[in-house]
Amino acid sequence: MNVSADQKLGAADIAALIRREISKGSLQLHDRLPPERVLSDSYGAARGTVRKALTRLEKEGFVETRPGSGTYVVHQPDDNSASAIEHATPLELMDARFALEPHICRLSVLHGRQSDFDRMEELCNRMEDCLDDPVAFSDADTDFHRALVECTRNGLLIWIIDQIATVRSEDDWTRMRHLTLDRRTIATYNTQHRQILNAIRTREPERAANIMKEHLETARLSLTRASDT
């Protein structure tokens, strides 16, 4: 992907781009990724941002960093899922999330631990510090929803959400982010994230699910409006 000068990429964006290349087969099992400095130049991002992206991918099981050797692909993609991801649109992503994430909230109430909730609290604080930084907000937002599904202890759901997140690497998604993530929208999302976390902490599954529906409806409406511009 060629990144234009006005498209600042965060760690989540870079991770999504690399994840997409792995899912498409452009990067194959056992391939070594370029060094951090090369990736930094390619994506126009600081090496620290690239490092965070690689750490994210390692946690997800896509790559493995070997000290003194480099970072290698350890994930074998499924051709069918790669094709579906490659052709998905941001609105399709929202529809898929709407089908899954309200119930993920219910499962998080059942299986979430205090350490999970503390992690989500930390991410809420990060997002609330990003009112004027859509890229940093987007990174923290991705981490929040990943932390939420990790509460379920359901490996299949975690894998599905990771696949859905790959759509973030599409050019359309980057364009939509620039069009939708203004200060007011970020503030609204922060309020909803905080309400979801509070409902999960107080063990109210249906309230958490309903707030998640409201959150996703808000996001989908923003995307719909942006797609008409």
C-alpha atoms as a PDB file:
ATOM      1  CA  MET A   1       0.000   0.000   0.000  1.00  0.00           C
ATOM      2  CA  ASN A   2       1.284   3.460  -0.863  1.00  0.00           C
ATOM      3  CA  VAL A   3       0.621   5.808   2.031  1.00  0.00           C
ATOM      4  CA  SER A   4      -0.096   9.419   1.112  1.00  0.00           C
ATOM      5  CA  ALA A   5       1.507  12.194   3.079  1.00  0.00           C
ATOM      6  CA  ASP A   6      -1.784  13.219   4.749  1.00  0.00           C
ATOM      7  CA  GLN A   7      -2.612   9.716   5.961  1.00  0.00           C
ATOM      8  CA  LYS A   8      -0.831   9.349   9.262  1.00  0.00           C
ATOM      9  CA  LEU A   9      -0.741   5.702  10.299  1.00  0.00           C
ATOM     10  CA  GLY A  10      -0.843   4.428  13.854  1.00  0.00           C
ATOM     11  CA  ALA A  11       0.265   1.055  15.181  1.00  0.00           C
ATOM     12  CA  ALA A  12      -3.184  -0.466  14.580  1.00  0.00           C
ATOM     13  CA  ASP A  13      -3.156   0.702  10.946  1.00  0.00           C
ATOM     14  CA  ILE A  14       0.309  -0.701  10.289  1.00  0.00           C
ATOM     15  CA  ALA A  15      -0.571  -3.979  12.003  1.00  0.00           C
ATOM     16  CA  ALA A  16      -3.695  -4.197   9.850  1.00  0.00           C
ATOM     17  CA  LEU A  17      -1.711  -3.585   6.665  1.00  0.00           C
ATOM     18  CA  ILE A  18       0.826  -6.288   7.495  1.00  0.00           C
ATOM     19  CA  ARG A  19      -1.941  -8.632   8.640  1.00  0.00           C
ATOM     20  CA  ARG A  20      -3.672  -8.103   5.321  1.00  0.00           C
ATOM     21  CA  GLU A  21      -0.502  -8.942   3.381  1.00  0.00           C
ATOM     22  CA  ILE A  22      -0.195 -12.157   5.388  1.00  0.00           C
ATOM     23  CA  SER A  23      -3.873 -13.022   4.875  1.00  0.00           C
ATOM     24  CA  LYS A  24      -3.557 -12.400   1.115  1.00  0.00           C
ATOM     25  CA  GLY A  25      -0.432 -14.543   0.925  1.00  0.00           C
ATOM     26  CA  SER A  26       1.824 -11.685  -0.179  1.00  0.00           C
ATOM     27  CA  LEU A  27       3.779 -12.467   2.980  1.00  0.00           C
ATOM     28  CA  GLN A  28       3.959 -16.215   3.454  1.00  0.00           C
ATOM     29  CA  LEU A  29       4.720 -18.614   6.266  1.00  0.00           C
ATOM     30  CA  HIS A  30       8.405 -18.360   7.350  1.00  0.00           C
ATOM     31  CA  ASP A  31       8.997 -15.134   5.372  1.00  0.00           C
ATOM     32  CA  ARG A  32      11.121 -12.584   7.196  1.00  0.00           C
ATOM     33  CA  LEU A  33       9.673  -9.079   7.423  1.00  0.00           C
ATOM     34  CA  PRO A  34      11.850  -6.100   6.447  1.00  0.00           C
ATOM     35  CA  PRO A  35      13.783  -4.471   9.316  1.00  0.00           C
ATOM     36  CA  GLU A  36      12.004  -1.892  11.476  1.00  0.00           C
ATOM     37  CA  ARG A  37      13.838   1.002   9.822  1.00  0.00           C
ATOM     38  CA  VAL A  38      12.643  -0.148   6.382  1.00  0.00           C
ATOM     39  CA  LEU A  39       9.067  -0.563   7.583  1.00  0.00           C
ATOM     40  CA  SER A  40       9.302   2.847   9.230  1.00  0.00           C
ATOM     41  CA  ASP A  41      10.277   4.439   5.910  1.00  0.00           C
ATOM     42  CA  SER A  42       7.645   2.470   3.983  1.00  0.00           C
ATOM     43  CA  TYR A  43       4.764   3.518   6.240  1.00  0.00           C
ATOM     44  CA  GLY A  44       6.016   6.990   7.110  1.00  0.00           C
ATOM     45  CA  ALA A  45       5.846   6.198  10.829  1.00  0.00           C
ATOM     46  CA  ALA A  46       8.231   6.305  13.761  1.00  0.00           C
ATOM     47  CA  ARG A  47      10.132   3.116  14.540  1.00  0.00           C
ATOM     48  CA  GLY A  48       8.411   2.990  17.926  1.00  0.00           C
ATOM     49  CA  THR A  49       5.029   2.884  16.158  1.00  0.00           C
ATOM     50  CA  VAL A  50       6.246   0.078  13.887  1.00  0.00           C
ATOM     51  CA  ARG A  51       7.532  -1.799  16.944  1.00  0.00           C
ATOM     52  CA  LYS A  52       4.119  -1.531  18.601  1.00  0.00           C
ATOM     53  CA  ALA A  53       2.491  -2.869  15.433  1.00  0.00           C
ATOM     54  CA  LEU A  54       4.827  -5.868  15.364  1.00  0.00           C
ATOM     55  CA  THR A  55       4.201  -6.527  19.059  1.00  0.00           C
ATOM     56  CA  ARG A  56       0.464  -6.502  18.360  1.00  0.00           C
ATOM     57  CA  LEU A  57       0.875  -8.970  15.499  1.00  0.00           C
ATOM     58  CA  GLU A  58       3.064 -11.230  17.640  1.00  0.00           C
ATOM     59  CA  LYS A  59       0.393 -11.344  20.355  1.00  0.00           C
ATOM     60  CA  GLU A  60      -2.180 -12.250  17.694  1.00  0.00           C
ATOM     61  CA  GLY A  61      -0.015 -15.114  16.399  1.00  0.00           C
ATOM     62  CA  PHE A  62       0.789 -13.638  12.991  1.00  0.00           C
ATOM     63  CA  VAL A  63       4.527 -13.090  13.456  1.00  0.00           C
ATOM     64  CA  GLU A  64       7.352 -14.127  15.722  1.00  0.00           C
ATOM     65  CA  THR A  65      10.329 -11.958  16.621  1.00  0.00           C
ATOM     66  CA  ARG A  66      13.587 -13.874  17.001  1.00  0.00           C
ATOM     67  CA  PRO A  67      16.330 -11.925  18.789  1.00  0.00           C
ATOM     68  CA  GLY A  68      19.304 -11.315  16.535  1.00  0.00           C
ATOM     69  CA  SER A  69      17.500 -12.713  13.507  1.00  0.00           C
ATOM     70  CA  GLY A  70      14.377 -10.678  12.726  1.00  0.00           C
ATOM     71  CA  THR A  71      10.593 -10.954  12.586  1.00  0.00           C
ATOM     72  CA  TYR A  72       9.060 -13.916  10.746  1.00  0.00           C
ATOM     73  CA  VAL A  73       5.573 -14.843   9.554  1.00  0.00           C
ATOM     74  CA  VAL A  74       4.194 -17.772  11.556  1.00  0.00           C
ATOM     75  CA  HIS A  75       0.564 -17.618  10.376  1.00  0.00           C
ATOM     76  CA  GLN A  76      -0.867 -19.747   7.568  1.00  0.00           C
ATOM     77  CA  PRO A  77      -3.816 -17.870   5.964  1.00  0.00           C
ATOM     78  CA  ASP A  78      -7.068 -19.418   4.809  1.00  0.00           C
ATOM     79  CA  ASP A  79      -7.624 -18.492   1.156  1.00  0.00           C
ATOM     80  CA  ASN A  80     -11.390 -18.128   1.521  1.00  0.00           C
ATOM     81  CA  SER A  81     -11.207 -15.837   4.540  1.00  0.00           C
ATOM     82  CA  ALA A  82      -8.475 -13.787   2.852  1.00  0.00           C
ATOM     83  CA  SER A  83     -10.711 -13.204  -0.164  1.00  0.00           C
ATOM     84  CA  ALA A  84     -13.647 -12.149   2.018  1.00  0.00           C
ATOM     85  CA  ILE A  85     -11.439  -9.749   3.967  1.00  0.00           C
ATOM     86  CA  GLU A  86      -9.887  -8.263   0.834  1.00  0.00           C
ATOM     87  CA  HIS A  87     -13.293  -7.363  -0.628  1.00  0.00           C
ATOM     88  CA  ALA A  88     -15.065  -6.274   2.566  1.00  0.00           C
ATOM     89  CA  THR A  89     -16.131  -2.646   2.961  1.00  0.00           C
ATOM     90  CA  PRO A  90     -16.130  -0.548   6.146  1.00  0.00           C
ATOM     91  CA  LEU A  91     -19.932  -0.797   6.287  1.00  0.00           C
ATOM     92  CA  GLU A  92     -19.749  -4.587   6.018  1.00  0.00           C
ATOM     93  CA  LEU A  93     -17.303  -4.517   8.899  1.00  0.00           C
ATOM     94  CA  MET A  94     -19.812  -2.578  10.995  1.00  0.00           C
ATOM     95  CA  ASP A  95     -22.601  -5.038  10.169  1.00  0.00           C
ATOM     96  CA  ALA A  96     -20.399  -7.976  11.168  1.00  0.00           C
ATOM     97  CA  ARG A  97     -19.462  -6.255  14.416  1.00  0.00           C
ATOM     98  CA  PHE A  98     -23.122  -5.552  15.143  1.00  0.00           C
ATOM     99  CA  ALA A  99     -23.850  -9.276  14.824  1.00  0.00           C
ATOM    100  CA  LEU A 100     -21.112 -10.200  17.311  1.00  0.00           C
ATOM    101  CA  GLU A 101     -20.107  -7.512  19.766  1.00  0.00           C
ATOM    102  CA  PRO A 102     -23.329  -7.110  21.783  1.00  0.00           C
ATOM    103  CA  HIS A 103     -23.128 -10.797  22.686  1.00  0.00           C
ATOM    104  CA  ILE A 104     -19.400 -10.434  23.317  1.00  0.00           C
ATOM    105  CA  CYS A 105     -20.404  -7.911  26.000  1.00  0.00           C
ATOM    106  CA  ARG A 106     -22.676 -10.511  27.604  1.00  0.00           C
ATOM    107  CA  LEU A 107     -19.887 -13.093  27.601  1.00  0.00           C
ATOM    108  CA  SER A 108     -17.470 -10.538  29.018  1.00  0.00           C
ATOM    109  CA  VAL A 109     -19.784 -10.113  32.006  1.00  0.00           C
ATOM    110  CA  LEU A 110     -19.763 -13.880  32.536  1.00  0.00           C
ATOM    111  CA  HIS A 111     -16.058 -14.552  32.023  1.00  0.00           C
ATOM    112  CA  GLY A 112     -14.240 -11.235  32.494  1.00  0.00           C
ATOM    113  CA  ARG A 113     -11.732 -10.847  35.313  1.00  0.00           C
ATOM    114  CA  GLN A 114     -10.656  -7.839  37.321  1.00  0.00           C
ATOM    115  CA  SER A 115      -7.396  -7.663  35.378  1.00  0.00           C
ATOM    116  CA  ASP A 116      -9.409  -7.457  32.131  1.00  0.00           C
ATOM    117  CA  PHE A 117     -11.498  -4.612  33.481  1.00  0.00           C
ATOM    118  CA  ASP A 118      -8.415  -2.765  34.698  1.00  0.00           C
ATOM    119  CA  ARG A 119      -6.911  -3.066  31.213  1.00  0.00           C
ATOM    120  CA  MET A 120     -10.105  -1.660  29.659  1.00  0.00           C
ATOM    121  CA  GLU A 121     -10.090   1.161  32.208  1.00  0.00           C
ATOM    122  CA  GLU A 122      -6.559   2.048  31.138  1.00  0.00           C
ATOM    123  CA  LEU A 123      -7.655   2.083  27.494  1.00  0.00           C
ATOM    124  CA  CYS A 124     -10.658   4.293  28.283  1.00  0.00           C
ATOM    125  CA  ASN A 125      -8.264   6.744  29.906  1.00  0.00           C
ATOM    126  CA  ARG A 126      -6.028   6.636  26.825  1.00  0.00           C
ATOM    127  CA  MET A 127      -8.946   7.289  24.492  1.00  0.00           C
ATOM    128  CA  GLU A 128     -10.138  10.193  26.621  1.00  0.00           C
ATOM    129  CA  ASP A 129      -6.694  11.768  26.185  1.00  0.00           C
ATOM    130  CA  CYS A 130      -6.997  11.555  22.380  1.00  0.00           C
ATOM    131  CA  LEU A 131      -9.778  14.034  21.587  1.00  0.00           C
ATOM    132  CA  ASP A 132      -7.549  15.845  19.106  1.00  0.00           C
ATOM    133  CA  ASP A 133      -5.577  12.837  17.839  1.00  0.00           C
ATOM    134  CA  PRO A 134      -7.718  10.527  15.670  1.00  0.00           C
ATOM    135  CA  VAL A 135      -4.806   8.185  14.927  1.00  0.00           C
ATOM    136  CA  ALA A 136      -3.942   7.614  18.584  1.00  0.00           C
ATOM    137  CA  PHE A 137      -7.642   7.277  19.386  1.00  0.00           C
ATOM    138  CA  SER A 138      -8.058   4.684  16.646  1.00  0.00           C
ATOM    139  CA  ASP A 139      -5.167   2.638  18.050  1.00  0.00           C
ATOM    140  CA  ALA A 140      -6.609   2.710  21.577  1.00  0.00           C
ATOM    141  CA  ASP A 141     -10.098   1.992  20.238  1.00  0.00           C
ATOM    142  CA  THR A 142      -8.842  -1.126  18.466  1.00  0.00           C
ATOM    143  CA  ASP A 143      -7.105  -2.241  21.658  1.00  0.00           C
ATOM    144  CA  PHE A 144     -10.280  -1.642  23.697  1.00  0.00           C
ATOM    145  CA  HIS A 145     -12.450  -3.826  21.475  1.00  0.00           C
ATOM    146  CA  ARG A 146      -9.703  -6.492  21.377  1.00  0.00           C
ATOM    147  CA  ALA A 147      -9.522  -6.406  25.190  1.00  0.00           C
ATOM    148  CA  LEU A 148     -13.294  -6.756  25.313  1.00  0.00           C
ATOM    149  CA  VAL A 149     -13.348  -9.939  23.222  1.00  0.00           C
ATOM    150  CA  GLU A 150     -10.396 -11.342  25.188  1.00  0.00           C
ATOM    151  CA  CYS A 151     -12.649 -11.187  28.275  1.00  0.00           C
ATOM    152  CA  THR A 152     -14.771 -13.937  26.724  1.00  0.00           C
ATOM    153  CA  ARG A 153     -11.909 -16.490  26.842  1.00  0.00           C
ATOM    154  CA  ASN A 154     -13.329 -17.709  23.505  1.00  0.00           C
ATOM    155  CA  GLY A 155     -10.518 -18.336  21.042  1.00  0.00           C
ATOM    156  CA  LEU A 156     -12.830 -18.539  18.036  1.00  0.00           C
ATOM    157  CA  LEU A 157     -14.461 -15.185  18.772  1.00  0.00           C
ATOM    158  CA  ILE A 158     -11.040 -13.603  19.287  1.00  0.00           C
ATOM    159  CA  TRP A 159      -9.911 -14.957  15.904  1.00  0.00           C
ATOM    160  CA  ILE A 160     -13.079 -13.690  14.170  1.00  0.00           C
ATOM    161  CA  ILE A 161     -12.702 -10.204  15.624  1.00  0.00           C
ATOM    162  CA  ASP A 162      -9.057 -10.167  14.496  1.00  0.00           C
ATOM    163  CA  GLN A 163     -10.178 -11.024  10.955  1.00  0.00           C
ATOM    164  CA  ILE A 164     -12.801  -8.285  11.000  1.00  0.00           C
ATOM    165  CA  ALA A 165     -10.179  -5.804  12.185  1.00  0.00           C
ATOM    166  CA  THR A 166      -8.126  -6.580   9.088  1.00  0.00           C
ATOM    167  CA  VAL A 167     -10.588  -4.527   7.033  1.00  0.00           C
ATOM    168  CA  ARG A 168      -9.017  -1.477   8.718  1.00  0.00           C
ATOM    169  CA  SER A 169      -6.161  -1.854   6.251  1.00  0.00           C
ATOM    170  CA  GLU A 170      -8.403  -0.913   3.344  1.00  0.00           C
ATOM    171  CA  ASP A 171      -7.898   2.527   1.809  1.00  0.00           C
ATOM    172  CA  ASP A 172     -11.628   3.181   2.243  1.00  0.00           C
ATOM    173  CA  TRP A 173     -11.346   2.659   5.996  1.00  0.00           C
ATOM    174  CA  THR A 174      -8.460   5.119   6.324  1.00  0.00           C
ATOM    175  CA  ARG A 175     -10.437   7.673   4.324  1.00  0.00           C
ATOM    176  CA  MET A 176     -13.513   7.116   6.486  1.00  0.00           C
ATOM    177  CA  ARG A 177     -11.490   7.626   9.649  1.00  0.00           C
ATOM    178  CA  HIS A 178     -10.300  11.002   8.416  1.00  0.00           C
ATOM    179  CA  LEU A 179     -13.878  11.987   7.591  1.00  0.00           C
ATOM    180  CA  THR A 180     -15.585  10.751  10.771  1.00  0.00           C
ATOM    181  CA  LEU A 181     -13.203  11.036  13.728  1.00  0.00           C
ATOM    182  CA  ASP A 182     -13.584  14.652  14.760  1.00  0.00           C
ATOM    183  CA  ARG A 183     -13.416  15.883  18.361  1.00  0.00           C
ATOM    184  CA  ARG A 184     -17.192  15.638  18.913  1.00  0.00           C
ATOM    185  CA  THR A 185     -17.444  12.080  17.551  1.00  0.00           C
ATOM    186  CA  ILE A 186     -14.465  10.896  19.599  1.00  0.00           C
ATOM    187  CA  ALA A 187     -16.071  12.378  22.731  1.00  0.00           C
ATOM    188  CA  THR A 188     -19.298  10.495  21.983  1.00  0.00           C
ATOM    189  CA  TYR A 189     -17.432   7.219  21.480  1.00  0.00           C
ATOM    190  CA  ASN A 190     -15.514   7.776  24.716  1.00  0.00           C
ATOM    191  CA  THR A 191     -18.761   8.190  26.649  1.00  0.00           C
ATOM    192  CA  GLN A 192     -20.132   4.985  25.140  1.00  0.00           C
ATOM    193  CA  HIS A 193     -16.949   3.023  25.821  1.00  0.00           C
ATOM    194  CA  ARG A 194     -16.995   4.145  29.431  1.00  0.00           C
ATOM    195  CA  GLN A 195     -20.675   3.163  29.785  1.00  0.00           C
ATOM    196  CA  ILE A 196     -19.978  -0.282  28.310  1.00  0.00           C
ATOM    197  CA  LEU A 197     -17.136  -0.854  30.753  1.00  0.00           C
ATOM    198  CA  ASN A 198     -19.218   0.312  33.721  1.00  0.00           C
ATOM    199  CA  ALA A 199     -22.068  -2.055  32.766  1.00  0.00           C
ATOM    200  CA  ILE A 200     -19.628  -4.965  32.491  1.00  0.00           C
ATOM    201  CA  ARG A 201     -18.022  -4.111  35.829  1.00  0.00           C
ATOM    202  CA  THR A 202     -21.436  -4.068  37.538  1.00  0.00           C
ATOM    203  CA  ARG A 203     -22.338  -7.378  35.875  1.00  0.00           C
ATOM    204  CA  GLU A 204     -25.256  -6.083  33.780  1.00  0.00           C
ATOM    205  CA  PRO A 205     -25.046  -8.102  30.535  1.00  0.00           C
ATOM    206  CA  GLU A 206     -28.133  -6.749  28.760  1.00  0.00           C
ATOM    207  CA  ARG A 207     -27.281  -3.152  29.606  1.00  0.00           C
ATOM    208  CA  ALA A 208     -23.754  -3.653  28.273  1.00  0.00           C
ATOM    209  CA  ALA A 209     -25.116  -5.277  25.104  1.00  0.00           C
ATOM    210  CA  ASN A 210     -27.615  -2.474  24.521  1.00  0.00           C
ATOM    211  CA  ILE A 211     -24.979   0.239  24.950  1.00  0.00           C
ATOM    212  CA  MET A 212     -22.754  -1.620  22.492  1.00  0.00           C
ATOM    213  CA  LYS A 213     -25.632  -1.656  19.978  1.00  0.00           C
ATOM    214  CA  GLU A 214     -26.018   2.095  20.449  1.00  0.00           C
ATOM    215  CA  HIS A 215     -22.263   2.563  20.009  1.00  0.00           C
ATOM    216  CA  LEU A 216     -22.163   0.564  16.785  1.00  0.00           C
ATOM    217  CA  GLU A 217     -25.282   2.286  15.443  1.00  0.00           C
ATOM    218  CA  THR A 218     -23.574   5.641  16.063  1.00  0.00           C
ATOM    219  CA  ALA A 219     -20.444   4.471  14.244  1.00  0.00           C
ATOM    220  CA  ARG A 220     -22.420   3.038  11.348  1.00  0.00           C
ATOM    221  CA  LEU A 221     -24.386   6.264  10.918  1.00  0.00           C
ATOM    222  CA  SER A 222     -21.117   8.233  10.797  1.00  0.00           C
ATOM    223  CA  LEU A 223     -19.745   5.886   8.146  1.00  0.00           C
ATOM    224  CA  THR A 224     -22.961   6.087   6.105  1.00  0.00           C
ATOM    225  CA  ARG A 225     -22.857   9.872   6.123  1.00  0.00           C
ATOM    226  CA  ALA A 226     -19.174   9.901   5.217  1.00  0.00           C
ATOM    227  CA  SER A 227     -19.698   7.482   2.329  1.00  0.00           C
ATOM    228  CA  ASP A 228     -22.160   9.954   0.803  1.00  0.00           C
ATOM    229  CA  THR A 229     -19.589  12.758   0.733  1.00  0.00           C
END
